[in-house]
Structures are given as structure tokens and as C-alpha cells.
Amino acid sequence: MTATDSLDWAALGYTIHAAFTCIENHCLRVAKTFENGLDDTSWHRGLLDRMTLDIPEIRPALLDAGARRLLDELRAFRHVFRTLYSDRLDAERLRLTQGRFGPALEAFRQAHALFAAKVAAIRDGLEG
């Protein structure tokens, strides 16, 4: 997607916002399923941090440091996007975020596939 006017910029911003929210909800489900809770303070950033942790006998890490860094940029953008009530979107910042959007989604897709394979291997080890 290439944004060329203010409506395109807004649509792109909303797309990035919605995609990151889906990723964050996935991470939240992982945390609640395997760890049974979250810290209430700064949980958006803390959730990404927690997803990089390999917790022995509980769960493998979902994200590596590179994926976490890319996703944190989307998280930061989403925060700005959500709180931009009367200001205009910064086109340059949105353009930079747009350039990182594809790599962040691909990093998450790969991280999820690896996580799912590790969880399946653990399950198979328990059953076998």
C-alpha cells in the first residue's frame, strides 16, 4: 500500500493500528494461557518483553529480539495514532512505519510458526 493523500495516510495508519492490535491480542492469549496473567503497569510494552522470555517448563519464547524490536515500533506508532485527536498524522513518521510494517508482520508470522512447532513438540513429548 502506498499512501498519497490524507485519506490514504489515515487508512494506512488505521491498518497498522489494527494489525498490531491483532498481534498484541495473540501475545495476550499466550501470556494468559501459559502464565495466567499480566502486570497492570505498562503492559503493552511489558507484554512484548515477556514474549521474548523462554520460561522453562512453562513455554518457549514467542519472539526473538529482532521481531520484538520491529513490533515495538508498531506498538509505539499505534500509541501515537490512538492519541492523535486533533493533530495531523506525521507523514514522514508514517512512511517510516510503513517501511517496517511488512518486515514486522513477516517476523511475527515466522515467530508464531516456530512457537507453534515448539509447543507441538512439547505436547508430543508429553504424550509419548
N, C-alpha and C. Protein backbone atom coordinates (compact mmCIF):
# COMPACT_ATOMS: atom_id res chain seq x y z
N MET A 1 0.86 -1.17 0.00
CA MET A 1 0.00 0.00 0.00
C MET A 1 0.90 1.23 0.00
N THR A 2 0.58 2.17 -0.86
CA THR A 2 1.31 3.43 -0.89
C THR A 2 0.33 4.57 -0.66
N ALA A 3 0.60 5.35 0.36
CA ALA A 3 -0.28 6.47 0.70
C ALA A 3 0.13 7.70 -0.09
N THR A 4 -0.87 8.41 -0.65
CA THR A 4 -0.58 9.60 -1.44
C THR A 4 -1.32 10.84 -0.96
N ASP A 5 -2.38 10.69 -0.19
CA ASP A 5 -3.10 11.86 0.32
C ASP A 5 -3.54 11.59 1.76
N SER A 6 -4.19 12.57 2.38
CA SER A 6 -4.51 12.44 3.81
C SER A 6 -5.44 11.26 4.09
N LEU A 7 -6.35 10.94 3.18
CA LEU A 7 -7.23 9.80 3.38
C LEU A 7 -6.45 8.49 3.31
N ASP A 8 -5.51 8.43 2.35
CA ASP A 8 -4.65 7.25 2.26
C ASP A 8 -3.80 7.10 3.53
N TRP A 9 -3.27 8.23 4.02
CA TRP A 9 -2.43 8.18 5.23
C TRP A 9 -3.26 7.68 6.42
N ALA A 10 -4.49 8.17 6.52
CA ALA A 10 -5.36 7.74 7.63
C ALA A 10 -5.67 6.26 7.51
N ALA A 11 -5.97 5.80 6.30
CA ALA A 11 -6.27 4.37 6.10
C ALA A 11 -5.06 3.51 6.42
N LEU A 12 -3.89 3.95 6.01
CA LEU A 12 -2.66 3.22 6.32
C LEU A 12 -2.43 3.19 7.82
N GLY A 13 -2.60 4.33 8.48
CA GLY A 13 -2.42 4.38 9.93
C GLY A 13 -3.37 3.43 10.63
N TYR A 14 -4.63 3.42 10.20
CA TYR A 14 -5.60 2.51 10.82
C TYR A 14 -5.26 1.06 10.55
N THR A 15 -4.77 0.75 9.36
CA THR A 15 -4.38 -0.62 9.03
C THR A 15 -3.24 -1.09 9.94
N ILE A 16 -2.24 -0.26 10.11
CA ILE A 16 -1.13 -0.60 11.01
C ILE A 16 -1.64 -0.76 12.43
N HIS A 17 -2.49 0.15 12.87
CA HIS A 17 -3.10 0.09 14.21
C HIS A 17 -3.84 -1.24 14.39
N ALA A 18 -4.68 -1.60 13.44
CA ALA A 18 -5.49 -2.83 13.57
C ALA A 18 -4.62 -4.08 13.53
N ALA A 19 -3.64 -4.10 12.64
CA ALA A 19 -2.76 -5.27 12.55
C ALA A 19 -1.98 -5.47 13.84
N PHE A 20 -1.43 -4.39 14.39
CA PHE A 20 -0.69 -4.55 15.63
C PHE A 20 -1.61 -4.98 16.77
N THR A 21 -2.83 -4.48 16.80
CA THR A 21 -3.77 -4.88 17.84
C THR A 21 -4.03 -6.39 17.77
N CYS A 22 -4.14 -6.94 16.57
CA CYS A 22 -4.31 -8.40 16.42
C CYS A 22 -3.10 -9.15 16.95
N ILE A 23 -1.91 -8.66 16.63
CA ILE A 23 -0.68 -9.29 17.12
C ILE A 23 -0.63 -9.21 18.65
N GLU A 24 -0.95 -8.05 19.19
CA GLU A 24 -0.93 -7.89 20.64
C GLU A 24 -1.95 -8.82 21.30
N ASN A 25 -3.12 -8.98 20.71
CA ASN A 25 -4.11 -9.90 21.27
C ASN A 25 -3.61 -11.34 21.25
N HIS A 26 -2.86 -11.70 20.21
CA HIS A 26 -2.26 -13.03 20.15
C HIS A 26 -1.27 -13.21 21.31
N CYS A 27 -0.43 -12.22 21.51
CA CYS A 27 0.54 -12.27 22.61
C CYS A 27 -0.17 -12.33 23.96
N LEU A 28 -1.24 -11.59 24.08
CA LEU A 28 -2.02 -11.59 25.32
C LEU A 28 -2.59 -12.97 25.60
N ARG A 29 -3.07 -13.64 24.57
CA ARG A 29 -3.60 -15.01 24.75
C ARG A 29 -2.50 -15.98 25.18
N VAL A 30 -1.32 -15.81 24.60
CA VAL A 30 -0.19 -16.66 25.00
C VAL A 30 0.13 -16.43 26.48
N ALA A 31 0.20 -15.17 26.88
CA ALA A 31 0.52 -14.84 28.28
C ALA A 31 -0.55 -15.40 29.22
N LYS A 32 -1.80 -15.22 28.87
CA LYS A 32 -2.88 -15.69 29.75
C LYS A 32 -2.96 -17.21 29.78
N THR A 33 -2.69 -17.86 28.67
CA THR A 33 -2.76 -19.32 28.61
C THR A 33 -1.64 -19.97 29.41
N PHE A 34 -0.42 -19.47 29.22
CA PHE A 34 0.73 -20.13 29.82
C PHE A 34 1.15 -19.53 31.16
N GLU A 35 0.83 -18.26 31.39
CA GLU A 35 1.33 -17.60 32.59
C GLU A 35 0.22 -17.14 33.52
N ASN A 36 -1.01 -17.16 33.04
CA ASN A 36 -2.17 -16.84 33.87
C ASN A 36 -2.18 -15.41 34.39
N GLY A 37 -1.87 -14.44 33.53
CA GLY A 37 -2.00 -13.06 33.98
C GLY A 37 -0.97 -12.13 33.39
N LEU A 38 -1.14 -10.85 33.69
CA LEU A 38 -0.25 -9.79 33.25
C LEU A 38 -0.13 -8.74 34.33
N ASP A 39 0.99 -8.03 34.31
CA ASP A 39 1.18 -6.88 35.18
C ASP A 39 0.36 -5.72 34.62
N ASP A 40 -0.32 -4.99 35.48
CA ASP A 40 -1.19 -3.90 35.03
C ASP A 40 -0.44 -2.66 34.56
N THR A 41 0.78 -2.46 35.01
CA THR A 41 1.50 -1.24 34.66
C THR A 41 2.27 -1.44 33.35
N SER A 42 2.13 -0.50 32.45
CA SER A 42 2.79 -0.51 31.13
C SER A 42 2.77 -1.89 30.48
N TRP A 43 1.61 -2.49 30.47
CA TRP A 43 1.53 -3.87 30.00
C TRP A 43 1.73 -4.00 28.50
N HIS A 44 1.49 -2.97 27.72
CA HIS A 44 1.67 -3.09 26.27
C HIS A 44 3.13 -3.37 25.93
N ARG A 45 4.03 -2.58 26.47
CA ARG A 45 5.46 -2.80 26.23
C ARG A 45 5.93 -4.05 26.98
N GLY A 46 5.45 -4.20 28.21
CA GLY A 46 5.83 -5.36 29.01
C GLY A 46 5.41 -6.69 28.39
N LEU A 47 4.29 -6.67 27.70
CA LEU A 47 3.82 -7.89 27.04
C LEU A 47 4.81 -8.34 25.97
N LEU A 48 5.29 -7.39 25.17
CA LEU A 48 6.30 -7.74 24.16
C LEU A 48 7.57 -8.26 24.82
N ASP A 49 7.98 -7.61 25.91
CA ASP A 49 9.16 -8.09 26.63
C ASP A 49 8.97 -9.52 27.10
N ARG A 50 7.80 -9.80 27.65
CA ARG A 50 7.52 -11.15 28.16
C ARG A 50 7.53 -12.21 27.07
N MET A 51 7.13 -11.80 25.88
CA MET A 51 7.08 -12.76 24.78
C MET A 51 8.47 -13.17 24.30
N THR A 52 9.51 -12.45 24.73
CA THR A 52 10.88 -12.84 24.38
C THR A 52 11.47 -13.82 25.39
N LEU A 53 10.76 -14.06 26.47
CA LEU A 53 11.27 -14.94 27.52
C LEU A 53 10.97 -16.39 27.24
N ASP A 54 11.97 -17.21 27.37
CA ASP A 54 11.79 -18.66 27.35
C ASP A 54 11.61 -19.06 28.81
N ILE A 55 10.44 -19.56 29.16
CA ILE A 55 10.15 -19.91 30.55
C ILE A 55 10.17 -21.43 30.67
N PRO A 56 11.27 -21.98 31.18
CA PRO A 56 11.40 -23.43 31.25
C PRO A 56 10.21 -24.08 31.95
N GLU A 57 9.78 -25.17 31.39
CA GLU A 57 8.67 -25.97 31.89
C GLU A 57 7.32 -25.25 31.82
N ILE A 58 7.30 -24.05 31.22
CA ILE A 58 6.03 -23.33 31.04
C ILE A 58 5.76 -23.13 29.54
N ARG A 59 6.67 -22.39 28.86
CA ARG A 59 6.51 -22.14 27.44
C ARG A 59 7.81 -21.64 26.84
N PRO A 60 7.99 -21.86 25.51
CA PRO A 60 9.15 -21.26 24.83
C PRO A 60 8.88 -19.79 24.56
N ALA A 61 9.92 -19.07 24.19
CA ALA A 61 9.75 -17.67 23.79
C ALA A 61 8.94 -17.61 22.51
N LEU A 62 8.09 -16.62 22.40
CA LEU A 62 7.35 -16.41 21.16
C LEU A 62 8.16 -15.54 20.20
N LEU A 63 8.81 -14.51 20.72
CA LEU A 63 9.52 -13.55 19.87
C LEU A 63 11.02 -13.57 20.14
N ASP A 64 11.80 -13.37 19.08
CA ASP A 64 13.22 -13.11 19.29
C ASP A 64 13.41 -11.60 19.39
N ALA A 65 14.61 -11.17 19.68
CA ALA A 65 14.87 -9.75 19.90
C ALA A 65 14.57 -8.90 18.66
N GLY A 66 14.86 -9.43 17.48
CA GLY A 66 14.61 -8.68 16.26
C GLY A 66 13.12 -8.47 16.00
N ALA A 67 12.33 -9.52 16.17
CA ALA A 67 10.88 -9.40 15.99
C ALA A 67 10.30 -8.46 17.04
N ARG A 68 10.80 -8.56 18.25
CA ARG A 68 10.29 -7.70 19.33
C ARG A 68 10.55 -6.24 19.01
N ARG A 69 11.74 -5.94 18.49
CA ARG A 69 12.10 -4.56 18.16
C ARG A 69 11.18 -4.02 17.05
N LEU A 70 10.95 -4.81 16.01
CA LEU A 70 10.07 -4.38 14.92
C LEU A 70 8.64 -4.17 15.42
N LEU A 71 8.16 -5.10 16.24
CA LEU A 71 6.80 -4.99 16.75
C LEU A 71 6.66 -3.82 17.73
N ASP A 72 7.73 -3.52 18.46
CA ASP A 72 7.66 -2.40 19.38
C ASP A 72 7.52 -1.08 18.62
N GLU A 73 8.09 -1.00 17.43
CA GLU A 73 7.91 0.20 16.62
C GLU A 73 6.44 0.34 16.21
N LEU A 74 5.80 -0.77 15.88
CA LEU A 74 4.37 -0.72 15.56
C LEU A 74 3.55 -0.36 16.79
N ARG A 75 3.95 -0.87 17.95
CA ARG A 75 3.25 -0.55 19.19
C ARG A 75 3.34 0.95 19.48
N ALA A 76 4.52 1.50 19.32
CA ALA A 76 4.72 2.93 19.57
C ALA A 76 3.90 3.76 18.58
N PHE A 77 3.89 3.34 17.32
CA PHE A 77 3.08 4.06 16.34
C PHE A 77 1.60 3.99 16.71
N ARG A 78 1.14 2.81 17.11
CA ARG A 78 -0.27 2.66 17.46
C ARG A 78 -0.63 3.60 18.61
N HIS A 79 0.26 3.73 19.58
CA HIS A 79 0.01 4.63 20.71
C HIS A 79 -0.19 6.07 20.20
N VAL A 80 0.70 6.51 19.33
CA VAL A 80 0.58 7.86 18.78
C VAL A 80 -0.71 7.97 17.97
N PHE A 81 -1.00 6.98 17.15
CA PHE A 81 -2.19 7.02 16.30
C PHE A 81 -3.46 7.10 17.14
N ARG A 82 -3.51 6.36 18.23
CA ARG A 82 -4.69 6.35 19.10
C ARG A 82 -4.89 7.68 19.83
N THR A 83 -3.83 8.40 20.05
CA THR A 83 -3.94 9.63 20.84
C THR A 83 -3.88 10.89 19.99
N LEU A 84 -3.96 10.77 18.69
CA LEU A 84 -3.93 11.91 17.76
C LEU A 84 -5.34 12.43 17.54
N TYR A 85 -5.85 13.18 18.43
CA TYR A 85 -7.24 13.60 18.29
C TYR A 85 -7.42 14.72 17.29
N SER A 86 -6.72 15.80 17.43
CA SER A 86 -6.92 16.92 16.51
C SER A 86 -5.68 17.21 15.67
N ASP A 87 -4.58 16.55 15.97
CA ASP A 87 -3.36 16.76 15.20
C ASP A 87 -3.40 15.94 13.92
N ARG A 88 -2.55 16.30 13.00
CA ARG A 88 -2.43 15.54 11.76
C ARG A 88 -1.37 14.45 11.93
N LEU A 89 -1.54 13.39 11.15
CA LEU A 89 -0.52 12.35 11.12
C LEU A 89 0.77 12.93 10.56
N ASP A 90 1.88 12.53 11.13
CA ASP A 90 3.18 12.91 10.62
C ASP A 90 3.49 11.98 9.44
N ALA A 91 3.41 12.51 8.23
CA ALA A 91 3.57 11.68 7.04
C ALA A 91 4.94 11.00 7.00
N GLU A 92 5.97 11.69 7.42
CA GLU A 92 7.31 11.09 7.40
C GLU A 92 7.40 9.92 8.38
N ARG A 93 6.84 10.10 9.57
CA ARG A 93 6.86 9.01 10.55
C ARG A 93 6.03 7.83 10.06
N LEU A 94 4.90 8.13 9.45
CA LEU A 94 4.06 7.07 8.92
C LEU A 94 4.76 6.34 7.77
N ARG A 95 5.48 7.07 6.95
CA ARG A 95 6.23 6.47 5.85
C ARG A 95 7.31 5.52 6.41
N LEU A 96 7.99 5.95 7.46
CA LEU A 96 8.99 5.07 8.08
C LEU A 96 8.35 3.82 8.68
N THR A 97 7.21 4.01 9.34
CA THR A 97 6.50 2.88 9.93
C THR A 97 6.00 1.95 8.84
N GLN A 98 5.53 2.51 7.74
CA GLN A 98 5.06 1.71 6.61
C GLN A 98 6.19 0.81 6.09
N GLY A 99 7.40 1.33 6.05
CA GLY A 99 8.54 0.55 5.59
C GLY A 99 8.88 -0.60 6.51
N ARG A 100 8.52 -0.48 7.77
CA ARG A 100 8.80 -1.54 8.74
C ARG A 100 7.62 -2.49 8.94
N PHE A 101 6.48 -2.10 8.41
CA PHE A 101 5.25 -2.87 8.60
C PHE A 101 5.35 -4.28 8.02
N GLY A 102 5.75 -4.39 6.77
CA GLY A 102 5.89 -5.71 6.13
C GLY A 102 6.90 -6.59 6.85
N PRO A 103 8.10 -6.10 7.11
CA PRO A 103 9.07 -6.92 7.84
C PRO A 103 8.58 -7.32 9.24
N ALA A 104 7.86 -6.43 9.91
CA ALA A 104 7.34 -6.77 11.25
C ALA A 104 6.30 -7.89 11.15
N LEU A 105 5.41 -7.80 10.17
CA LEU A 105 4.41 -8.86 10.00
C LEU A 105 5.05 -10.19 9.65
N GLU A 106 6.05 -10.15 8.78
CA GLU A 106 6.74 -11.39 8.41
C GLU A 106 7.50 -11.96 9.61
N ALA A 107 8.14 -11.11 10.40
CA ALA A 107 8.85 -11.59 11.59
C ALA A 107 7.87 -12.23 12.56
N PHE A 108 6.69 -11.64 12.72
CA PHE A 108 5.69 -12.23 13.61
C PHE A 108 5.19 -13.56 13.05
N ARG A 109 4.93 -13.62 11.75
CA ARG A 109 4.46 -14.87 11.15
C ARG A 109 5.47 -15.99 11.39
N GLN A 110 6.74 -15.70 11.17
CA GLN A 110 7.79 -16.70 11.39
C GLN A 110 7.91 -17.07 12.87
N ALA A 111 7.81 -16.07 13.74
CA ALA A 111 7.90 -16.33 15.18
C ALA A 111 6.75 -17.21 15.64
N HIS A 112 5.55 -16.93 15.15
CA HIS A 112 4.39 -17.73 15.53
C HIS A 112 4.56 -19.17 15.04
N ALA A 113 5.01 -19.36 13.82
CA ALA A 113 5.19 -20.71 13.28
C ALA A 113 6.21 -21.50 14.11
N LEU A 114 7.30 -20.86 14.48
CA LEU A 114 8.32 -21.52 15.29
C LEU A 114 7.78 -21.84 16.69
N PHE A 115 7.07 -20.89 17.28
CA PHE A 115 6.46 -21.09 18.60
C PHE A 115 5.49 -22.27 18.56
N ALA A 116 4.63 -22.30 17.56
CA ALA A 116 3.64 -23.38 17.43
C ALA A 116 4.33 -24.73 17.28
N ALA A 117 5.42 -24.77 16.52
CA ALA A 117 6.16 -26.02 16.34
C ALA A 117 6.80 -26.46 17.66
N LYS A 118 7.35 -25.54 18.43
CA LYS A 118 7.95 -25.88 19.72
C LYS A 118 6.90 -26.37 20.71
N VAL A 119 5.74 -25.72 20.74
CA VAL A 119 4.67 -26.15 21.64
C VAL A 119 4.17 -27.53 21.23
N ALA A 120 4.05 -27.78 19.94
CA ALA A 120 3.63 -29.09 19.46
C ALA A 120 4.64 -30.17 19.84
N ALA A 121 5.94 -29.85 19.75
CA ALA A 121 6.98 -30.80 20.14
C ALA A 121 6.90 -31.11 21.64
N ILE A 122 6.63 -30.09 22.44
CA ILE A 122 6.47 -30.31 23.88
C ILE A 122 5.27 -31.21 24.13
N ARG A 123 4.16 -30.91 23.46
CA ARG A 123 2.95 -31.72 23.60
C ARG A 123 3.23 -33.17 23.20
N ASP A 124 3.91 -33.36 22.07
CA ASP A 124 4.22 -34.71 21.60
C ASP A 124 5.12 -35.45 22.58
N GLY A 125 6.05 -34.70 23.20
CA GLY A 125 6.93 -35.32 24.21
C GLY A 125 6.16 -35.75 25.44
N LEU A 126 5.14 -35.03 25.81
CA LEU A 126 4.32 -35.39 26.96
C LEU A 126 3.43 -36.59 26.66
N GLU A 127 2.98 -36.68 25.44
CA GLU A 127 2.11 -37.78 25.05
C GLU A 127 2.87 -39.06 24.80
N GLY A 128 4.14 -38.91 24.40
CA GLY A 128 4.94 -40.08 24.02
C GLY A 128 5.64 -40.65 25.17
